Amino acid sequence: MDVRIKPGKLSGEIEAISSKSDAHRILIGSLLSKNETNLHVNIMSEDIKATIDCIREAGCTVDYAHNMLKIKPVPIDVDKEYHFDCNESGSTLRFFIPIAAALGINATFTGRGRLPERPLSPLVEELEAHGVRIKRPDDAYLPLVLEGKLTPGIFKIAGNISSQFVTGLLFALPLLQEESKLIITPPVESRPYIDMTLNTLRKYGIKVQETRENENTCFYVTGGQKYTSPKHIEAEGDWSNAAFWFVAGAMSEEGMVIKGVNERSLQGDKYIVEHLIRVGAKVEKIDDGYKVTRNNLLARDVDAAKIPDLVPIIATLASVSKGTTRIYNAYRLRIKESDRLSTVAQNLRNLGADITEFEDSLVINGKEMLEGGIADSYNDHRIAMSMAIAAGACKNDVIIKNAEAVNKSYPTFFDDFKRRKGVFDVIELRE
C-alpha cells in the first residue's frame, strides 16, 4: 500500500494504544503460569499476534474479544516437536528461544522480513555453553533448530547489543532447577526494557536479586520458581507509538492532546516529554495525559543509547528545528527492522531535510519547512509513521511507499491520522 499525504497540521485528542512491549512480557508470563490470565489490550498488532501464535503453539488457549485476551495455559509436552513462527517480531524470537531451551523442548524457529538477519549472538553461544544444541544456516540466523535442555550456571551477555537477550534469559532462568547468575557487561543500553521485564516478573511472583559487581550488572535467579498469574492485568499505554502524536502536536499551532500514557511508566520512550520540553515545545500535563503545541523549536543533541525507537521521530522534528542536532550512540539502529540510520537519513533527505549519516550518528541542520517528496518505509513501521508525521512540516505532498508496514505495531495508525485532520489517499505507484 502506497499513500499520498497532503500538507497540513494535525490536531485533536487521541488515546494511546496498548504497549506491545508490555503485552509481549505479560503474554510470556501468562504462558508460564498455571492459572488463567485476562489481559486487556486495545489493539492487535502483527507483533502481538506473533507472540500469541507462539504461546498457542506452546499449548495455550487464547481467545480475544472486546479488547480482552483470555489465556489458558496447559503443561508443556516435552515429547512434541514445536514450530514457532515469529513473523517479523524480534521480541517474540529472542524471548522464546531461551524459554524453549529452559523447558527442554525441541523447537524450530522461523521468521520473515529482516528477522532472519537480525543478530542472535551472543545469546545462542551462551545457550550452547549450557547444554543446548542449536543448528542454523551459515549465512542467517533462521530457521533455527533448538534441541536439549538448558542447564543452570553463569551466563554472560554484553549490555550494548540487545536488551531482548537479557529479557529472554530472565524469563527462562527461574524455570531451571538450581540458581543461575546472569552477568551484563557495560554499557547497559535500553535499560528501561530490562526494568519492564523485572516488573513483569514481580507481577508473576518471580524473584530476581540485582547487584553491581565491579562494573557489571548481575542478576541472581533462584531455580525452581513458579509463575503465578495476577489473573487480571492491563497492558500500559504505549509511549513509543504515542511519541508520533507528541511530535505532531509540537509541529501544530492547535496542538495534540495525548491520553492513556502513564508518567510513572518504566518505558524509556516516555523521554519524549523531556525532549519536547528541551527543544522548546509547549507541553502541559493534563488529566490522564498531555497537551502539546508548537513553540519556537530549537535543536538539542540526543543520546540514542536508551531510546533507539524514538530516533526516527526525533530526527523528523529536528529537521524543522532551529540549529544543528546531533543524534549519537545510535549504531544499534542498523539492526532494527531496517537500517534506521540509513533509512531515516535517506527519507528525510528525500523530503528536503539537511541530514548527514555517520557510522553511529545523524547530524541534522534544521530548516523552517521541508519540501515534500517520496519516502519508502523499507518495511519498517517506525519509518512509515515518522514520514507521515513529517508531512505536517512539508510544503508539498508526501508519498510513502509500503505504508502497510505500520501494521507491525500500529495497524490503525492511518485511521487515527485521518481523524486528527490528516488528509491522504491510497495510490498505486508505477515503477
Protein backbone atom coordinates (compact mmCIF):
# COMPACT_ATOMS: atom_id res chain seq x y z
CA MET A 1 0.00 0.00 0.00
CA ASP A 2 1.30 3.44 -1.00
CA VAL A 3 -0.21 6.62 0.39
CA ARG A 4 -0.11 10.26 -0.67
CA ILE A 5 -0.41 12.72 2.22
CA LYS A 6 -1.41 16.34 1.77
CA PRO A 7 0.50 19.01 3.71
CA GLY A 8 -1.28 20.07 6.86
CA LYS A 9 -1.03 20.18 10.62
CA LEU A 10 -2.62 17.54 12.80
CA SER A 11 -4.75 18.38 15.83
CA GLY A 12 -7.20 16.76 18.19
CA GLU A 13 -7.23 14.23 21.02
CA ILE A 14 -6.03 10.63 20.93
CA GLU A 15 -5.87 7.68 23.31
CA ALA A 16 -2.59 5.77 23.34
CA ILE A 17 -2.68 2.21 22.05
CA SER A 18 -1.55 -0.65 24.28
CA SER A 19 2.20 -1.12 24.59
CA LYS A 20 3.37 -4.11 22.59
CA SER A 21 6.49 -4.27 24.78
CA ASP A 22 4.30 -4.66 27.86
CA ALA A 23 1.93 -7.07 26.12
CA HIS A 24 4.78 -9.35 24.96
CA ARG A 25 6.02 -9.71 28.53
CA ILE A 26 2.57 -10.31 30.01
CA LEU A 27 1.82 -12.95 27.38
CA ILE A 28 5.07 -14.78 28.18
CA GLY A 29 4.34 -14.67 31.92
CA SER A 30 0.85 -15.99 31.23
CA LEU A 31 2.22 -18.89 29.17
CA LEU A 32 4.48 -19.93 32.03
CA SER A 33 1.77 -19.67 34.71
CA LYS A 34 -0.51 -22.48 35.80
CA ASN A 35 -3.57 -20.28 36.13
CA GLU A 36 -5.65 -18.30 33.62
CA THR A 37 -4.93 -14.67 32.71
CA ASN A 38 -7.26 -11.98 31.40
CA LEU A 39 -5.19 -9.35 29.58
CA HIS A 40 -6.73 -6.07 28.40
CA VAL A 41 -5.23 -4.73 25.16
CA ASN A 42 -6.90 -2.15 22.92
CA ILE A 43 -5.10 -3.10 19.70
CA MET A 44 -3.91 -6.26 17.97
CA SER A 45 -0.69 -5.56 16.07
CA GLU A 46 1.26 -8.05 13.96
CA ASP A 47 3.97 -8.31 16.62
CA ILE A 48 1.48 -9.07 19.39
CA LYS A 49 -0.17 -11.63 17.11
CA ALA A 50 3.23 -13.29 16.62
CA THR A 51 3.64 -13.81 20.36
CA ILE A 52 0.05 -15.05 20.65
CA ASP A 53 0.68 -17.54 17.83
CA CYS A 54 3.77 -18.81 19.67
CA ILE A 55 2.06 -19.26 23.02
CA ARG A 56 -0.74 -21.09 21.18
CA GLU A 57 1.87 -23.34 19.61
CA ALA A 58 3.14 -24.00 23.14
CA GLY A 59 -0.34 -25.23 24.06
CA CYS A 60 -2.15 -22.17 25.41
CA THR A 61 -5.74 -21.50 24.53
CA VAL A 62 -6.07 -17.82 23.63
CA ASP A 63 -9.40 -16.12 22.93
CA TYR A 64 -9.81 -12.44 22.04
CA ALA A 65 -13.00 -10.42 22.30
CA HIS A 66 -13.90 -6.88 23.36
CA ASN A 67 -10.25 -5.88 23.88
CA MET A 68 -9.70 -8.80 26.28
CA LEU A 69 -7.32 -11.72 25.78
CA LYS A 70 -8.24 -14.81 27.80
CA ILE A 71 -5.16 -17.01 28.14
CA LYS A 72 -5.39 -20.58 29.45
CA PRO A 73 -2.02 -22.33 29.75
CA VAL A 74 -1.50 -26.10 29.66
CA PRO A 75 1.51 -28.22 30.68
CA ILE A 76 4.27 -28.33 28.06
CA ASP A 77 4.58 -31.59 26.15
CA VAL A 78 8.36 -32.21 26.08
CA ASP A 79 7.95 -35.01 23.53
CA LYS A 80 6.38 -32.78 20.91
CA GLU A 81 8.27 -31.07 18.08
CA TYR A 82 7.37 -27.37 18.17
CA HIS A 83 7.43 -24.82 15.36
CA PHE A 84 7.47 -21.21 16.48
CA ASP A 85 6.76 -18.78 13.65
CA CYS A 86 7.86 -15.37 14.96
CA ASN A 87 6.82 -13.50 11.81
CA GLU A 88 8.90 -10.26 11.99
CA SER A 89 8.90 -9.86 15.78
CA GLY A 90 12.37 -9.66 17.29
CA SER A 91 10.96 -9.65 20.82
CA THR A 92 9.00 -12.85 20.20
CA LEU A 93 12.03 -14.66 18.81
CA ARG A 94 14.57 -13.51 21.38
CA PHE A 95 12.24 -14.11 24.32
CA PHE A 96 11.12 -17.57 23.19
CA ILE A 97 14.47 -19.14 22.31
CA PRO A 98 15.86 -19.27 25.89
CA ILE A 99 12.42 -20.16 27.28
CA ALA A 100 12.15 -23.15 24.92
CA ALA A 101 15.66 -24.16 25.99
CA ALA A 102 14.74 -23.93 29.68
CA LEU A 103 11.62 -26.04 29.09
CA GLY A 104 13.73 -28.69 27.35
CA ILE A 105 11.64 -28.86 24.20
CA ASN A 106 12.76 -29.44 20.63
CA ALA A 107 11.76 -26.46 18.54
CA THR A 108 12.24 -24.83 15.15
CA PHE A 109 12.10 -21.03 14.96
CA THR A 110 11.25 -19.21 11.74
CA GLY A 111 10.58 -15.62 10.75
CA ARG A 112 10.16 -13.24 7.85
CA GLY A 113 11.24 -9.84 6.65
CA ARG A 114 14.56 -8.77 8.12
CA LEU A 115 14.23 -11.01 11.18
CA PRO A 116 16.45 -13.86 9.84
CA GLU A 117 19.28 -11.31 9.51
CA ARG A 118 18.95 -9.76 12.95
CA PRO A 119 21.67 -10.97 15.32
CA LEU A 120 21.19 -13.68 17.93
CA SER A 121 24.78 -13.64 19.16
CA PRO A 122 25.93 -13.90 21.93
CA LEU A 123 22.63 -15.40 23.11
CA VAL A 124 22.95 -18.61 21.08
CA GLU A 125 26.56 -19.11 22.19
CA GLU A 126 25.55 -18.79 25.85
CA LEU A 127 22.79 -21.35 25.36
CA GLU A 128 25.18 -23.74 23.62
CA ALA A 129 27.60 -23.39 26.54
CA HIS A 130 24.80 -24.53 28.85
CA GLY A 131 23.66 -27.78 27.27
CA VAL A 132 21.60 -26.63 24.27
CA ARG A 133 22.23 -27.80 20.71
CA ILE A 134 21.48 -25.24 18.00
CA LYS A 135 21.50 -25.60 14.22
CA ARG A 136 21.07 -22.73 11.77
CA PRO A 137 22.23 -21.73 8.27
CA ASP A 138 25.75 -20.40 7.85
CA ASP A 139 24.54 -17.14 6.33
CA ALA A 140 21.49 -16.38 8.51
CA TYR A 141 20.09 -16.90 11.98
CA LEU A 142 16.82 -18.51 10.85
CA PRO A 143 15.50 -21.10 10.56
CA LEU A 144 16.97 -22.11 13.91
CA VAL A 145 16.58 -25.62 15.33
CA LEU A 146 16.95 -26.00 19.08
CA GLU A 147 17.40 -29.27 21.00
CA GLY A 148 18.34 -30.19 24.54
CA LYS A 149 17.67 -28.66 27.93
CA LEU A 150 19.29 -25.56 29.36
CA THR A 151 21.43 -26.14 32.45
CA PRO A 152 21.84 -23.59 35.25
CA GLY A 153 25.06 -21.70 35.80
CA ILE A 154 26.72 -18.41 34.98
CA PHE A 155 25.55 -16.58 31.86
CA LYS A 156 27.28 -13.51 30.43
CA ILE A 157 25.78 -11.06 27.93
CA ALA A 158 27.11 -7.74 26.62
CA GLY A 159 24.72 -4.96 27.55
CA ASN A 160 25.05 -2.97 24.34
CA ILE A 161 23.64 -5.44 21.80
CA SER A 162 20.03 -6.17 22.71
CA SER A 163 18.10 -5.97 25.98
CA GLN A 164 15.84 -8.65 24.47
CA PHE A 165 18.56 -11.25 25.15
CA VAL A 166 18.51 -10.25 28.81
CA THR A 167 14.72 -10.41 28.96
CA GLY A 168 14.60 -13.88 27.40
CA LEU A 169 17.10 -15.23 29.92
CA LEU A 170 15.37 -13.55 32.86
CA PHE A 171 12.13 -15.29 31.90
CA ALA A 172 13.91 -18.64 31.36
CA LEU A 173 16.28 -18.96 34.34
CA PRO A 174 13.58 -19.25 37.07
CA LEU A 175 12.40 -22.43 35.29
CA LEU A 176 15.71 -24.22 35.91
CA GLN A 177 16.19 -26.39 38.99
CA GLU A 178 19.14 -24.51 40.51
CA GLU A 179 20.28 -20.90 40.89
CA SER A 180 21.81 -19.07 37.95
CA LYS A 181 23.74 -15.84 37.65
CA LEU A 182 23.29 -13.50 34.70
CA ILE A 183 26.14 -11.02 34.18
CA ILE A 184 25.53 -7.97 31.99
CA THR A 185 28.70 -6.18 30.96
CA PRO A 186 28.64 -2.40 30.43
CA PRO A 187 27.44 -0.30 28.84
CA VAL A 188 23.88 -1.45 29.52
CA GLU A 189 21.77 0.16 26.82
CA SER A 190 17.96 0.11 26.69
CA ARG A 191 17.95 -0.45 30.47
CA PRO A 192 14.27 0.62 30.71
CA TYR A 193 13.26 -2.52 28.79
CA ILE A 194 15.08 -4.67 31.37
CA ASP A 195 13.26 -2.80 34.13
CA MET A 196 9.95 -3.55 32.40
CA THR A 197 10.86 -7.24 32.40
CA LEU A 198 11.76 -7.23 36.09
CA ASN A 199 8.47 -5.50 36.85
CA THR A 200 6.51 -8.16 34.93
CA LEU A 201 8.39 -10.94 36.69
CA ARG A 202 7.43 -9.44 40.06
CA LYS A 203 3.77 -9.37 39.00
CA TYR A 204 4.03 -13.09 38.26
CA GLY A 205 5.66 -13.92 41.59
CA ILE A 206 9.23 -14.36 40.32
CA LYS A 207 12.12 -13.09 42.47
CA VAL A 208 15.36 -11.77 40.98
CA GLN A 209 18.17 -10.23 43.00
CA GLU A 210 20.21 -7.50 41.30
CA THR A 211 23.72 -6.50 42.36
CA ARG A 212 26.63 -4.47 41.00
CA GLU A 213 29.94 -6.33 40.86
CA ASN A 214 32.85 -4.27 39.65
CA GLU A 215 31.26 -2.51 36.65
CA ASN A 216 28.91 -5.37 35.78
CA THR A 217 25.19 -5.61 36.46
CA CYS A 218 24.43 -9.05 37.89
CA PHE A 219 21.14 -10.86 38.37
CA TYR A 220 20.86 -13.85 40.71
CA VAL A 221 17.89 -16.03 39.85
CA THR A 222 16.77 -18.84 42.14
CA GLY A 223 15.77 -22.02 40.31
CA GLY A 224 12.54 -23.92 40.70
CA GLN A 225 10.32 -20.83 40.89
CA LYS A 226 6.67 -20.96 39.84
CA TYR A 227 4.94 -18.33 37.73
CA THR A 228 1.60 -17.24 39.18
CA SER A 229 -0.65 -15.02 37.08
CA PRO A 230 -2.25 -11.96 38.68
CA LYS A 231 -5.39 -13.17 36.80
CA HIS A 232 -6.46 -9.70 35.58
CA ILE A 233 -3.94 -7.30 34.06
CA GLU A 234 -3.93 -4.40 31.60
CA ALA A 235 -1.14 -3.55 29.17
CA GLU A 236 0.08 0.02 29.61
CA GLY A 237 -0.41 2.73 27.04
CA ASP A 238 2.45 2.71 24.53
CA TRP A 239 4.86 5.64 24.85
CA SER A 240 6.80 4.56 21.75
CA ASN A 241 3.83 4.94 19.44
CA ALA A 242 2.37 7.87 21.35
CA ALA A 243 5.59 9.72 20.54
CA PHE A 244 4.41 10.25 16.95
CA TRP A 245 1.39 12.20 18.20
CA PHE A 246 3.53 14.15 20.69
CA VAL A 247 5.73 15.33 17.82
CA ALA A 248 2.70 16.04 15.63
CA GLY A 249 1.50 18.33 18.41
CA ALA A 250 4.89 20.04 18.62
CA MET A 251 4.53 20.90 14.91
CA SER A 252 0.96 22.22 15.23
CA GLU A 253 -0.35 25.56 16.45
CA GLU A 254 -3.62 23.89 17.51
CA GLY A 255 -1.72 21.05 19.12
CA MET A 256 -2.50 17.49 20.16
CA VAL A 257 -3.89 16.01 23.37
CA ILE A 258 -2.48 12.55 24.12
CA LYS A 259 -4.17 10.45 26.79
CA GLY A 260 -3.69 6.98 28.24
CA VAL A 261 0.06 7.19 28.94
CA ASN A 262 1.45 6.75 32.44
CA GLU A 263 4.04 9.32 33.52
CA ARG A 264 5.37 6.81 36.09
CA SER A 265 5.81 4.10 33.46
CA LEU A 266 9.12 2.23 33.23
CA GLN A 267 9.01 2.60 29.44
CA GLY A 268 12.10 4.51 28.35
CA ASP A 269 10.32 6.24 25.49
CA LYS A 270 8.43 8.47 27.91
CA TYR A 271 11.61 10.53 27.40
CA ILE A 272 9.74 12.14 24.51
CA VAL A 273 8.12 14.54 27.01
CA GLU A 274 11.50 15.64 28.38
CA HIS A 275 12.86 16.01 24.86
CA LEU A 276 9.99 18.18 23.67
CA ILE A 277 10.43 20.45 26.67
CA ARG A 278 14.16 20.66 25.93
CA VAL A 279 13.59 21.71 22.31
CA GLY A 280 11.04 24.36 23.28
CA ALA A 281 7.64 22.83 22.51
CA LYS A 282 4.81 23.76 24.84
CA VAL A 283 3.97 20.70 26.95
CA GLU A 284 1.15 20.81 29.51
CA LYS A 285 0.27 17.97 31.90
CA ILE A 286 -3.49 17.42 31.98
CA ASP A 287 -5.74 14.74 33.44
CA ASP A 288 -4.66 11.34 32.12
CA GLY A 289 -2.30 12.82 29.58
CA TYR A 290 -0.60 15.79 27.95
CA LYS A 291 -1.33 18.67 25.61
CA VAL A 292 1.48 19.55 23.20
CA THR A 293 1.55 22.63 20.95
CA ARG A 294 4.09 24.33 18.75
CA ASN A 295 6.51 26.93 20.05
CA ASN A 296 9.96 28.03 18.94
CA LEU A 297 11.72 24.74 18.24
CA LEU A 298 15.45 24.65 18.94
CA ALA A 299 17.99 21.95 18.15
CA ARG A 300 19.26 19.79 21.01
CA ASP A 301 21.69 16.85 20.89
CA VAL A 302 20.27 13.43 21.74
CA ASP A 303 21.94 10.30 23.17
CA ALA A 304 20.10 7.42 21.48
CA ALA A 305 21.54 4.63 23.65
CA LYS A 306 18.47 4.26 25.85
CA ILE A 307 15.78 5.38 23.39
CA PRO A 308 16.62 3.89 19.96
CA ASP A 309 12.98 3.58 18.90
CA LEU A 310 12.49 7.33 19.23
CA VAL A 311 15.25 8.24 16.79
CA PRO A 312 13.13 8.31 13.59
CA ILE A 313 10.54 10.70 15.02
CA ILE A 314 13.09 12.81 16.94
CA ALA A 315 15.10 13.18 13.71
CA THR A 316 11.90 14.24 11.93
CA LEU A 317 11.32 17.00 14.48
CA ALA A 318 15.00 18.04 14.35
CA SER A 319 14.72 18.58 10.60
CA VAL A 320 12.43 21.57 11.29
CA SER A 321 14.07 22.83 14.49
CA LYS A 322 16.40 25.85 14.50
CA GLY A 323 20.06 24.90 14.71
CA THR A 324 22.05 21.66 14.43
CA THR A 325 21.01 18.43 16.13
CA ARG A 326 23.39 15.53 16.67
CA ILE A 327 21.85 12.13 17.47
CA TYR A 328 24.65 9.86 18.72
CA ASN A 329 25.23 6.38 20.22
CA ALA A 330 22.81 5.13 17.59
CA TYR A 331 24.69 2.24 15.97
CA ARG A 332 22.14 -0.37 17.11
CA LEU A 333 19.59 1.25 14.82
CA ARG A 334 21.32 -0.51 11.95
CA ILE A 335 19.97 -3.89 13.15
CA LYS A 336 16.31 -2.91 13.53
CA GLU A 337 13.51 -3.66 11.04
CA SER A 338 15.55 -1.58 8.63
CA ASP A 339 18.96 0.05 8.90
CA ARG A 340 17.30 3.01 10.57
CA LEU A 341 20.28 5.33 10.42
CA SER A 342 20.30 4.89 6.66
CA THR A 343 16.53 4.87 6.09
CA VAL A 344 15.89 7.89 8.32
CA ALA A 345 18.62 9.87 6.60
CA GLN A 346 17.60 8.86 3.08
CA ASN A 347 13.89 9.52 3.58
CA LEU A 348 14.24 12.87 5.31
CA ARG A 349 16.76 13.91 2.66
CA ASN A 350 14.19 12.95 0.01
CA LEU A 351 11.75 15.32 1.69
CA GLY A 352 14.27 18.16 1.65
CA ALA A 353 15.98 17.86 5.04
CA ASP A 354 19.65 18.70 5.56
CA ILE A 355 20.82 15.47 7.21
CA THR A 356 24.11 13.60 7.23
CA GLU A 357 24.56 9.98 8.23
CA PHE A 358 27.64 8.75 10.10
CA GLU A 359 28.58 5.32 11.41
CA ASP A 360 26.67 5.68 14.67
CA SER A 361 25.08 9.11 14.46
CA LEU A 362 22.99 11.59 12.50
CA VAL A 363 23.66 15.31 12.13
CA ILE A 364 20.67 17.43 11.15
CA ASN A 365 20.64 21.12 10.24
CA GLY A 366 17.11 22.30 10.80
CA LYS A 367 15.04 24.20 8.26
CA GLU A 368 11.86 26.19 8.58
CA MET A 369 9.97 23.72 6.38
CA LEU A 370 10.63 20.67 4.23
CA GLU A 371 9.69 20.39 0.56
CA GLY A 372 7.89 17.03 0.39
CA GLY A 373 8.56 14.14 -1.96
CA ILE A 374 8.70 10.34 -2.00
CA ALA A 375 9.65 8.25 1.02
CA ASP A 376 9.86 4.49 1.44
CA SER A 377 9.08 2.66 4.69
CA TYR A 378 11.55 -0.13 3.82
CA ASN A 379 9.01 -2.34 5.60
CA ASP A 380 9.77 -0.52 8.87
CA HIS A 381 6.76 0.61 10.89
CA ARG A 382 8.53 3.47 12.67
CA ILE A 383 9.89 4.84 9.40
CA ALA A 384 6.40 4.83 7.83
CA MET A 385 4.84 6.65 10.78
CA SER A 386 7.67 9.18 11.05
CA MET A 387 7.33 10.13 7.38
CA ALA A 388 3.57 10.55 7.81
CA ILE A 389 4.18 13.00 10.67
CA ALA A 390 6.87 14.73 8.59
CA ALA A 391 4.18 15.61 6.03
CA GLY A 392 2.91 18.18 8.53
CA ALA A 393 6.12 20.14 8.05
CA CYS A 394 6.19 19.95 4.24
CA LYS A 395 5.14 22.41 1.52
CA ASN A 396 4.07 19.70 -0.90
CA ASP A 397 2.62 16.19 -0.84
CA VAL A 398 4.48 13.30 0.77
CA ILE A 399 4.17 9.87 -0.80
CA ILE A 400 5.03 6.89 1.40
CA LYS A 401 5.75 3.60 -0.33
CA ASN A 402 4.90 0.36 1.51
CA ALA A 403 2.95 2.23 4.18
CA GLU A 404 1.31 -1.01 5.36
CA ALA A 405 4.45 -1.51 7.45
CA VAL A 406 2.56 0.28 10.26
CA ASN A 407 0.66 -2.98 10.87
CA LYS A 408 3.65 -4.34 12.76
CA SER A 409 2.89 -2.21 15.80
CA TYR A 410 0.02 0.16 14.98
CA PRO A 411 -2.45 -1.19 12.38
CA THR A 412 -4.94 1.64 12.99
CA PHE A 413 -2.34 4.40 12.58
CA PHE A 414 -3.71 5.85 9.35
CA ASP A 415 -7.29 5.71 10.67
CA ASP A 416 -6.15 7.70 13.71
CA PHE A 417 -4.14 10.02 11.44
CA LYS A 418 -7.25 10.79 9.37
CA ARG A 419 -9.37 11.51 12.46
CA ARG A 420 -6.80 14.11 13.56
CA LYS A 421 -7.21 16.13 10.35
CA GLY A 422 -4.65 14.19 8.33
CA VAL A 423 -5.55 14.08 4.65
CA PHE A 424 -4.31 11.20 2.50
CA ASP A 425 -5.36 8.79 -0.19
CA VAL A 426 -4.17 5.33 -1.14
CA ILE A 427 -2.44 5.25 -4.50
CA GLU A 428 -0.59 2.80 -6.68
CA LEU A 429 2.84 3.97 -7.76
CA ARG A 430 4.12 2.87 -11.13
CA GLU A 431 7.73 1.76 -11.11
